Amino acid sequence: TTAFFSLERLTAYGATKAGIIHFTRTVAREWADR
């Protein structure tokens, strides 16, 4: 859930979890037709 709202002192963790969401969306689009 830190991908969507901020928690103080967890900037790196939250940034990585938000990045995982975008990674998920992109790879899903790249691989859907396969």
PDB file of all heavy atoms in Angstrom:
ATOM      1  N   THR A   1       0.820  -1.209   0.000  1.00  0.00           N
ATOM      2  CA  THR A   1       0.000   0.000   0.000  1.00  0.00           C
ATOM      3  C   THR A   1       0.856   1.262   0.000  1.00  0.00           C
ATOM      4  O   THR A   1       0.384   2.330  -0.396  1.00  0.00           O
ATOM      5  CB  THR A   1      -0.925   0.038   1.232  1.00  0.00           C
ATOM      6  OG1 THR A   1      -0.148  -0.191   2.411  1.00  0.00           O
ATOM      7  CG2 THR A   1      -2.019  -1.003   1.141  1.00  0.00           C
ATOM      8  N   THR A   2       2.129   1.148   0.407  1.00  0.00           N
ATOM      9  CA  THR A   2       3.016   2.318   0.375  1.00  0.00           C
ATOM     10  C   THR A   2       3.321   2.755  -1.054  1.00  0.00           C
ATOM     11  O   THR A   2       3.928   3.807  -1.255  1.00  0.00           O
ATOM     12  CB  THR A   2       4.333   2.037   1.113  1.00  0.00           C
ATOM     13  OG1 THR A   2       4.981   0.909   0.521  1.00  0.00           O
ATOM     14  CG2 THR A   2       4.090   1.765   2.587  1.00  0.00           C
ATOM     15  N   ALA A   3       2.895   1.983  -2.040  1.00  0.00           N
ATOM     16  CA  ALA A   3       3.009   2.428  -3.431  1.00  0.00           C
ATOM     17  C   ALA A   3       2.039   3.565  -3.720  1.00  0.00           C
ATOM     18  O   ALA A   3       2.214   4.294  -4.700  1.00  0.00           O
ATOM     19  CB  ALA A   3       2.738   1.264  -4.383  1.00  0.00           C
ATOM     20  N   PHE A   4       1.017   3.715  -2.866  1.00  0.00           N
ATOM     21  CA  PHE A   4      -0.071   4.658  -3.147  1.00  0.00           C
ATOM     22  C   PHE A   4      -0.190   5.796  -2.140  1.00  0.00           C
ATOM     23  O   PHE A   4      -0.793   6.811  -2.445  1.00  0.00           O
ATOM     24  CB  PHE A   4      -1.401   3.898  -3.208  1.00  0.00           C
ATOM     25  CG  PHE A   4      -1.389   2.798  -4.227  1.00  0.00           C
ATOM     26  CD1 PHE A   4      -1.146   1.496  -3.855  1.00  0.00           C
ATOM     27  CD2 PHE A   4      -1.576   3.075  -5.566  1.00  0.00           C
ATOM     28  CE1 PHE A   4      -1.110   0.480  -4.792  1.00  0.00           C
ATOM     29  CE2 PHE A   4      -1.538   2.072  -6.517  1.00  0.00           C
ATOM     30  CZ  PHE A   4      -1.301   0.775  -6.124  1.00  0.00           C
ATOM     31  N   PHE A   5       0.332   5.600  -0.941  1.00  0.00           N
ATOM     32  CA  PHE A   5       0.342   6.709   0.002  1.00  0.00           C
ATOM     33  C   PHE A   5       1.649   6.688   0.772  1.00  0.00           C
ATOM     34  O   PHE A   5       2.281   5.647   0.918  1.00  0.00           O
ATOM     35  CB  PHE A   5      -0.853   6.662   0.955  1.00  0.00           C
ATOM     36  CG  PHE A   5      -0.810   5.526   1.949  1.00  0.00           C
ATOM     37  CD1 PHE A   5      -0.250   5.700   3.204  1.00  0.00           C
ATOM     38  CD2 PHE A   5      -1.347   4.292   1.632  1.00  0.00           C
ATOM     39  CE1 PHE A   5      -0.211   4.667   4.117  1.00  0.00           C
ATOM     40  CE2 PHE A   5      -1.325   3.250   2.539  1.00  0.00           C
ATOM     41  CZ  PHE A   5      -0.748   3.434   3.788  1.00  0.00           C
ATOM     42  N   SER A   6       2.063   7.852   1.237  1.00  0.00           N
ATOM     43  CA  SER A   6       3.404   7.976   1.804  1.00  0.00           C
ATOM     44  C   SER A   6       3.414   7.652   3.294  1.00  0.00           C
ATOM     45  O   SER A   6       2.443   7.892   4.018  1.00  0.00           O
ATOM     46  CB  SER A   6       3.923   9.399   1.605  1.00  0.00           C
ATOM     47  OG  SER A   6       3.056  10.328   2.239  1.00  0.00           O
ATOM     48  N   LEU A   7       4.525   7.100   3.727  1.00  0.00           N
ATOM     49  CA  LEU A   7       4.803   6.892   5.141  1.00  0.00           C
ATOM     50  C   LEU A   7       6.148   7.536   5.449  1.00  0.00           C
ATOM     51  O   LEU A   7       7.139   7.278   4.762  1.00  0.00           O
ATOM     52  CB  LEU A   7       4.848   5.404   5.480  1.00  0.00           C
ATOM     53  CG  LEU A   7       3.509   4.672   5.548  1.00  0.00           C
ATOM     54  CD1 LEU A   7       3.745   3.193   5.825  1.00  0.00           C
ATOM     55  CD2 LEU A   7       2.609   5.266   6.618  1.00  0.00           C
ATOM     56  N   GLU A   8       6.161   8.381   6.451  1.00  0.00           N
ATOM     57  CA  GLU A   8       7.406   9.061   6.811  1.00  0.00           C
ATOM     58  C   GLU A   8       8.499   8.048   7.127  1.00  0.00           C
ATOM     59  O   GLU A   8       8.251   6.991   7.705  1.00  0.00           O
ATOM     60  CB  GLU A   8       7.186   9.970   8.025  1.00  0.00           C
ATOM     61  CG  GLU A   8       6.270  11.147   7.749  1.00  0.00           C
ATOM     62  CD  GLU A   8       6.072  12.010   8.982  1.00  0.00           C
ATOM     63  OE1 GLU A   8       6.503  11.582  10.066  1.00  0.00           O
ATOM     64  OE2 GLU A   8       5.484  13.094   8.848  1.00  0.00           O
ATOM     65  N   ARG A   9       9.717   8.405   6.708  1.00  0.00           N
ATOM     66  CA  ARG A   9      10.925   7.616   6.970  1.00  0.00           C
ATOM     67  C   ARG A   9      11.015   6.334   6.138  1.00  0.00           C
ATOM     68  O   ARG A   9      11.876   5.504   6.369  1.00  0.00           O
ATOM     69  CB  ARG A   9      11.083   7.283   8.465  1.00  0.00           C
ATOM     70  CG  ARG A   9      11.163   8.522   9.358  1.00  0.00           C
ATOM     71  CD  ARG A   9      11.320   8.128  10.828  1.00  0.00           C
ATOM     72  NE  ARG A   9      11.465   9.304  11.663  1.00  0.00           N
ATOM     73  CZ  ARG A   9      10.439  10.003  12.159  1.00  0.00           C
ATOM     74  NH1 ARG A   9       9.194   9.621  11.868  1.00  0.00           N
ATOM     75  NH2 ARG A   9      10.643  11.060  12.904  1.00  0.00           N
ATOM     76  N   LEU A  10      10.117   6.176   5.164  1.00  0.00           N
ATOM     77  CA  LEU A  10      10.154   4.991   4.309  1.00  0.00           C
ATOM     78  C   LEU A  10      10.208   5.389   2.827  1.00  0.00           C
ATOM     79  O   LEU A  10       9.567   4.778   1.984  1.00  0.00           O
ATOM     80  CB  LEU A  10       8.931   4.102   4.566  1.00  0.00           C
ATOM     81  CG  LEU A  10       8.929   3.317   5.876  1.00  0.00           C
ATOM     82  CD1 LEU A  10       7.617   2.551   6.032  1.00  0.00           C
ATOM     83  CD2 LEU A  10      10.111   2.352   5.953  1.00  0.00           C
ATOM     84  N   THR A  11      10.998   6.409   2.525  1.00  0.00           N
ATOM     85  CA  THR A  11      11.032   6.917   1.146  1.00  0.00           C
ATOM     86  C   THR A  11      11.532   5.855   0.169  1.00  0.00           C
ATOM     87  O   THR A  11      10.955   5.674  -0.905  1.00  0.00           O
ATOM     88  CB  THR A  11      11.916   8.165   1.052  1.00  0.00           C
ATOM     89  OG1 THR A  11      13.191   7.884   1.653  1.00  0.00           O
ATOM     90  CG2 THR A  11      11.286   9.343   1.744  1.00  0.00           C
ATOM     91  N   ALA A  12      12.618   5.173   0.498  1.00  0.00           N
ATOM     92  CA  ALA A  12      13.171   4.182  -0.421  1.00  0.00           C
ATOM     93  C   ALA A  12      12.211   3.021  -0.603  1.00  0.00           C
ATOM     94  O   ALA A  12      11.957   2.575  -1.728  1.00  0.00           O
ATOM     95  CB  ALA A  12      14.527   3.683   0.087  1.00  0.00           C
ATOM     96  N   TYR A  13      11.677   2.524   0.485  1.00  0.00           N
ATOM     97  CA  TYR A  13      10.761   1.386   0.412  1.00  0.00           C
ATOM     98  C   TYR A  13       9.533   1.739  -0.427  1.00  0.00           C
ATOM     99  O   TYR A  13       9.149   0.993  -1.329  1.00  0.00           O
ATOM    100  CB  TYR A  13      10.334   0.986   1.825  1.00  0.00           C
ATOM    101  CG  TYR A  13       9.423  -0.220   1.871  1.00  0.00           C
ATOM    102  CD1 TYR A  13       9.936  -1.498   1.703  1.00  0.00           C
ATOM    103  CD2 TYR A  13       8.059  -0.082   2.118  1.00  0.00           C
ATOM    104  CE1 TYR A  13       9.114  -2.610   1.757  1.00  0.00           C
ATOM    105  CE2 TYR A  13       7.228  -1.184   2.164  1.00  0.00           C
ATOM    106  CZ  TYR A  13       7.756  -2.449   1.990  1.00  0.00           C
ATOM    107  OH  TYR A  13       6.936  -3.538   2.040  1.00  0.00           O
ATOM    108  N   GLY A  14       8.921   2.891  -0.138  1.00  0.00           N
ATOM    109  CA  GLY A  14       7.737   3.309  -0.889  1.00  0.00           C
ATOM    110  C   GLY A  14       8.027   3.508  -2.365  1.00  0.00           C
ATOM    111  O   GLY A  14       7.232   3.127  -3.229  1.00  0.00           O
ATOM    112  N   ALA A  15       9.190   4.088  -2.673  1.00  0.00           N
ATOM    113  CA  ALA A  15       9.555   4.311  -4.068  1.00  0.00           C
ATOM    114  C   ALA A  15       9.716   2.986  -4.814  1.00  0.00           C
ATOM    115  O   ALA A  15       9.290   2.851  -5.969  1.00  0.00           O
ATOM    116  CB  ALA A  15      10.841   5.127  -4.153  1.00  0.00           C
ATOM    117  N   THR A  16      10.322   1.997  -4.162  1.00  0.00           N
ATOM    118  CA  THR A  16      10.483   0.703  -4.828  1.00  0.00           C
ATOM    119  C   THR A  16       9.142   0.019  -5.047  1.00  0.00           C
ATOM    120  O   THR A  16       8.929  -0.606  -6.093  1.00  0.00           O
ATOM    121  CB  THR A  16      11.407  -0.232  -4.031  1.00  0.00           C
ATOM    122  OG1 THR A  16      10.845  -0.511  -2.741  1.00  0.00           O
ATOM    123  CG2 THR A  16      12.783   0.366  -3.858  1.00  0.00           C
ATOM    124  N   LYS A  17       8.246   0.136  -4.089  1.00  0.00           N
ATOM    125  CA  LYS A  17       6.956  -0.542  -4.225  1.00  0.00           C
ATOM    126  C   LYS A  17       6.100   0.125  -5.301  1.00  0.00           C
ATOM    127  O   LYS A  17       5.335  -0.542  -6.010  1.00  0.00           O
ATOM    128  CB  LYS A  17       6.227  -0.578  -2.882  1.00  0.00           C
ATOM    129  CG  LYS A  17       6.934  -1.450  -1.831  1.00  0.00           C
ATOM    130  CD  LYS A  17       7.146  -2.873  -2.331  1.00  0.00           C
ATOM    131  CE  LYS A  17       7.768  -3.775  -1.286  1.00  0.00           C
ATOM    132  NZ  LYS A  17       7.941  -5.167  -1.751  1.00  0.00           N
ATOM    133  N   ALA A  18       6.229   1.443  -5.439  1.00  0.00           N
ATOM    134  CA  ALA A  18       5.559   2.123  -6.547  1.00  0.00           C
ATOM    135  C   ALA A  18       6.177   1.703  -7.878  1.00  0.00           C
ATOM    136  O   ALA A  18       5.469   1.496  -8.875  1.00  0.00           O
ATOM    137  CB  ALA A  18       5.654   3.637  -6.366  1.00  0.00           C
ATOM    138  N   GLY A  19       7.494   1.558  -7.904  1.00  0.00           N
ATOM    139  CA  GLY A  19       8.167   1.099  -9.105  1.00  0.00           C
ATOM    140  C   GLY A  19       7.729  -0.291  -9.520  1.00  0.00           C
ATOM    141  O   GLY A  19       7.596  -0.588 -10.716  1.00  0.00           O
ATOM    142  N   ILE A  20       7.492  -1.153  -8.546  1.00  0.00           N
ATOM    143  CA  ILE A  20       7.030  -2.508  -8.847  1.00  0.00           C
ATOM    144  C   ILE A  20       5.664  -2.475  -9.520  1.00  0.00           C
ATOM    145  O   ILE A  20       5.385  -3.278 -10.427  1.00  0.00           O
ATOM    146  CB  ILE A  20       7.017  -3.359  -7.564  1.00  0.00           C
ATOM    147  CG1 ILE A  20       8.454  -3.729  -7.173  1.00  0.00           C
ATOM    148  CG2 ILE A  20       6.172  -4.621  -7.740  1.00  0.00           C
ATOM    149  CD1 ILE A  20       8.581  -4.388  -5.820  1.00  0.00           C
ATOM    150  N   ILE A  21       4.805  -1.555  -9.120  1.00  0.00           N
ATOM    151  CA  ILE A  21       3.496  -1.429  -9.767  1.00  0.00           C
ATOM    152  C   ILE A  21       3.673  -1.088 -11.244  1.00  0.00           C
ATOM    153  O   ILE A  21       3.053  -1.700 -12.130  1.00  0.00           O
ATOM    154  CB  ILE A  21       2.635  -0.354  -9.075  1.00  0.00           C
ATOM    155  CG1 ILE A  21       2.256  -0.789  -7.664  1.00  0.00           C
ATOM    156  CG2 ILE A  21       1.377  -0.056  -9.899  1.00  0.00           C
ATOM    157  CD1 ILE A  21       1.319  -1.969  -7.604  1.00  0.00           C
ATOM    158  N   HIS A  22       4.512  -0.112 -11.531  1.00  0.00           N
ATOM    159  CA  HIS A  22       4.706   0.274 -12.931  1.00  0.00           C
ATOM    160  C   HIS A  22       5.372  -0.852 -13.713  1.00  0.00           C
ATOM    161  O   HIS A  22       5.001  -1.119 -14.874  1.00  0.00           O
ATOM    162  CB  HIS A  22       5.536   1.548 -13.030  1.00  0.00           C
ATOM    163  CG  HIS A  22       5.536   2.137 -14.408  1.00  0.00           C
ATOM    164  ND1 HIS A  22       4.503   2.907 -14.890  1.00  0.00           N
ATOM    165  CD2 HIS A  22       6.428   2.024 -15.429  1.00  0.00           C
ATOM    166  CE1 HIS A  22       4.757   3.259 -16.130  1.00  0.00           C
ATOM    167  NE2 HIS A  22       5.928   2.739 -16.487  1.00  0.00           N
ATOM    168  N   PHE A  23       6.340  -1.515 -13.106  1.00  0.00           N
ATOM    169  CA  PHE A  23       6.987  -2.661 -13.751  1.00  0.00           C
ATOM    170  C   PHE A  23       5.953  -3.736 -14.076  1.00  0.00           C
ATOM    171  O   PHE A  23       5.941  -4.290 -15.180  1.00  0.00           O
ATOM    172  CB  PHE A  23       8.064  -3.216 -12.812  1.00  0.00           C
ATOM    173  CG  PHE A  23       8.771  -4.437 -13.342  1.00  0.00           C
ATOM    174  CD1 PHE A  23       9.741  -4.327 -14.318  1.00  0.00           C
ATOM    175  CD2 PHE A  23       8.469  -5.695 -12.838  1.00  0.00           C
ATOM    176  CE1 PHE A  23      10.400  -5.449 -14.799  1.00  0.00           C
ATOM    177  CE2 PHE A  23       9.121  -6.820 -13.304  1.00  0.00           C
ATOM    178  CZ  PHE A  23      10.090  -6.697 -14.295  1.00  0.00           C
ATOM    179  N   THR A  24       5.078  -4.010 -13.140  1.00  0.00           N
ATOM    180  CA  THR A  24       4.023  -5.005 -13.329  1.00  0.00           C
ATOM    181  C   THR A  24       3.149  -4.653 -14.524  1.00  0.00           C
ATOM    182  O   THR A  24       2.862  -5.499 -15.388  1.00  0.00           O
ATOM    183  CB  THR A  24       3.158  -5.118 -12.061  1.00  0.00           C
ATOM    184  OG1 THR A  24       3.977  -5.576 -10.976  1.00  0.00           O
ATOM    185  CG2 THR A  24       1.983  -6.051 -12.256  1.00  0.00           C
ATOM    186  N   ARG A  25       2.711  -3.407 -14.595  1.00  0.00           N
ATOM    187  CA  ARG A  25       1.814  -2.981 -15.669  1.00  0.00           C
ATOM    188  C   ARG A  25       2.493  -3.094 -17.028  1.00  0.00           C
ATOM    189  O   ARG A  25       1.884  -3.530 -18.014  1.00  0.00           O
ATOM    190  CB  ARG A  25       1.362  -1.546 -15.418  1.00  0.00           C
ATOM    191  CG  ARG A  25       0.546  -1.370 -14.140  1.00  0.00           C
ATOM    192  CD  ARG A  25       0.234   0.083 -13.888  1.00  0.00           C
ATOM    193  NE  ARG A  25      -0.676   0.626 -14.898  1.00  0.00           N
ATOM    194  CZ  ARG A  25      -1.008   1.901 -14.972  1.00  0.00           C
ATOM    195  NH1 ARG A  25      -0.506   2.778 -14.112  1.00  0.00           N
ATOM    196  NH2 ARG A  25      -1.845   2.315 -15.904  1.00  0.00           N
ATOM    197  N   THR A  26       3.752  -2.688 -17.092  1.00  0.00           N
ATOM    198  CA  THR A  26       4.454  -2.692 -18.373  1.00  0.00           C
ATOM    199  C   THR A  26       4.709  -4.108 -18.864  1.00  0.00           C
ATOM    200  O   THR A  26       4.459  -4.431 -20.038  1.00  0.00           O
ATOM    201  CB  THR A  26       5.784  -1.927 -18.248  1.00  0.00           C
ATOM    202  OG1 THR A  26       5.520  -0.595 -17.796  1.00  0.00           O
ATOM    203  CG2 THR A  26       6.493  -1.857 -19.593  1.00  0.00           C
ATOM    204  N   VAL A  27       5.207  -4.981 -17.981  1.00  0.00           N
ATOM    205  CA  VAL A  27       5.497  -6.351 -18.393  1.00  0.00           C
ATOM    206  C   VAL A  27       4.201  -7.075 -18.759  1.00  0.00           C
ATOM    207  O   VAL A  27       4.156  -7.870 -19.704  1.00  0.00           O
ATOM    208  CB  VAL A  27       6.263  -7.108 -17.296  1.00  0.00           C
ATOM    209  CG1 VAL A  27       6.549  -8.543 -17.734  1.00  0.00           C
ATOM    210  CG2 VAL A  27       7.573  -6.392 -16.974  1.00  0.00           C
ATOM    211  N   ALA A  28       3.128  -6.788 -18.035  1.00  0.00           N
ATOM    212  CA  ALA A  28       1.841  -7.408 -18.366  1.00  0.00           C
ATOM    213  C   ALA A  28       1.417  -7.057 -19.785  1.00  0.00           C
ATOM    214  O   ALA A  28       0.930  -7.912 -20.540  1.00  0.00           O
ATOM    215  CB  ALA A  28       0.772  -6.946 -17.378  1.00  0.00           C
ATOM    216  N   ARG A  29       1.610  -5.811 -20.175  1.00  0.00           N
ATOM    217  CA  ARG A  29       1.251  -5.407 -21.538  1.00  0.00           C
ATOM    218  C   ARG A  29       2.177  -6.051 -22.567  1.00  0.00           C
ATOM    219  O   ARG A  29       1.742  -6.478 -23.636  1.00  0.00           O
ATOM    220  CB  ARG A  29       1.285  -3.872 -21.658  1.00  0.00           C
ATOM    221  CG  ARG A  29       0.908  -3.358 -23.027  1.00  0.00           C
ATOM    222  CD  ARG A  29       0.665  -1.869 -23.016  1.00  0.00           C
ATOM    223  NE  ARG A  29      -0.580  -1.542 -22.338  1.00  0.00           N
ATOM    224  CZ  ARG A  29      -1.781  -1.593 -22.911  1.00  0.00           C
ATOM    225  NH1 ARG A  29      -1.914  -1.991 -24.168  1.00  0.00           N
ATOM    226  NH2 ARG A  29      -2.851  -1.249 -22.230  1.00  0.00           N
ATOM    227  N   GLU A  30       3.462  -6.138 -22.229  1.00  0.00           N
ATOM    228  CA  GLU A  30       4.420  -6.729 -23.162  1.00  0.00           C
ATOM    229  C   GLU A  30       4.164  -8.218 -23.386  1.00  0.00           C
ATOM    230  O   GLU A  30       4.419  -8.734 -24.484  1.00  0.00           O
ATOM    231  CB  GLU A  30       5.846  -6.528 -22.636  1.00  0.00           C
ATOM    232  CG  GLU A  30       6.322  -5.092 -22.680  1.00  0.00           C
ATOM    233  CD  GLU A  30       7.725  -4.906 -22.138  1.00  0.00           C
ATOM    234  OE1 GLU A  30       8.283  -5.884 -21.579  1.00  0.00           O
ATOM    235  OE2 GLU A  30       8.267  -3.796 -22.264  1.00  0.00           O
ATOM    236  N   TRP A  31       3.688  -8.909 -22.352  1.00  0.00           N
ATOM    237  CA  TRP A  31       3.560 -10.365 -22.429  1.00  0.00           C
ATOM    238  C   TRP A  31       2.135 -10.857 -22.625  1.00  0.00           C
ATOM    239  O   TRP A  31       1.924 -12.063 -22.795  1.00  0.00           O
ATOM    240  CB  TRP A  31       4.138 -10.995 -21.163  1.00  0.00           C
ATOM    241  CG  TRP A  31       5.640 -10.958 -21.109  1.00  0.00           C
ATOM    242  CD1 TRP A  31       6.482 -10.518 -22.082  1.00  0.00           C
ATOM    243  CD2 TRP A  31       6.465 -11.400 -20.024  1.00  0.00           C
ATOM    244  NE1 TRP A  31       7.797 -10.641 -21.677  1.00  0.00           N
ATOM    245  CE2 TRP A  31       7.812 -11.182 -20.415  1.00  0.00           C
ATOM    246  CE3 TRP A  31       6.202 -11.942 -18.771  1.00  0.00           C
ATOM    247  CZ2 TRP A  31       8.887 -11.505 -19.588  1.00  0.00           C
ATOM    248  CZ3 TRP A  31       7.275 -12.264 -17.944  1.00  0.00           C
ATOM    249  CH2 TRP A  31       8.594 -12.049 -18.350  1.00  0.00           C
ATOM    250  N   ALA A  32       1.160  -9.975 -22.623  1.00  0.00           N
ATOM    251  CA  ALA A  32      -0.242 -10.426 -22.686  1.00  0.00           C
ATOM    252  C   ALA A  32      -0.534 -11.230 -23.951  1.00  0.00           C
ATOM    253  O   ALA A  32      -1.227 -12.251 -23.897  1.00  0.00           O
ATOM    254  CB  ALA A  32      -1.177  -9.216 -22.612  1.00  0.00           C
ATOM    255  N   ASP A  33       0.004 -10.794 -25.070  1.00  0.00           N
ATOM    256  CA  ASP A  33      -0.293 -11.501 -26.316  1.00  0.00           C
ATOM    257  C   ASP A  33       0.479 -12.806 -26.440  1.00  0.00           C
ATOM    258  O   ASP A  33       0.278 -13.566 -27.394  1.00  0.00           O
ATOM    259  CB  ASP A  33      -0.023 -10.602 -27.525  1.00  0.00           C
ATOM    260  CG  ASP A  33       1.439 -10.211 -27.674  1.00  0.00           C
ATOM    261  OD1 ASP A  33       2.200 -10.398 -26.700  1.00  0.00           O
ATOM    262  OD2 ASP A  33       1.809  -9.716 -28.748  1.00  0.00           O
ATOM    263  N   ARG A  34       1.353 -13.081 -25.467  1.00  0.00           N
ATOM    264  CA  ARG A  34       2.090 -14.342 -25.464  1.00  0.00           C
ATOM    265  C   ARG A  34       1.643 -15.256 -24.322  1.00  0.00           C
ATOM    266  O   ARG A  34       2.310 -16.238 -24.002  1.00  0.00           O
ATOM    267  CB  ARG A  34       3.593 -14.064 -25.399  1.00  0.00           C
ATOM    268  CG  ARG A  34       4.112 -13.506 -26.727  1.00  0.00           C
ATOM    269  CD  ARG A  34       5.593 -13.250 -26.702  1.00  0.00           C
ATOM    270  NE  ARG A  34       5.909 -11.982 -26.060  1.00  0.00           N
ATOM    271  CZ  ARG A  34       7.160 -11.546 -25.864  1.00  0.00           C
ATOM    272  NH1 ARG A  34       8.184 -12.284 -26.269  1.00  0.00           N
ATOM    273  NH2 ARG A  34       7.376 -10.390 -25.288  1.00  0.00           N
TER     274      ARG A  34
END
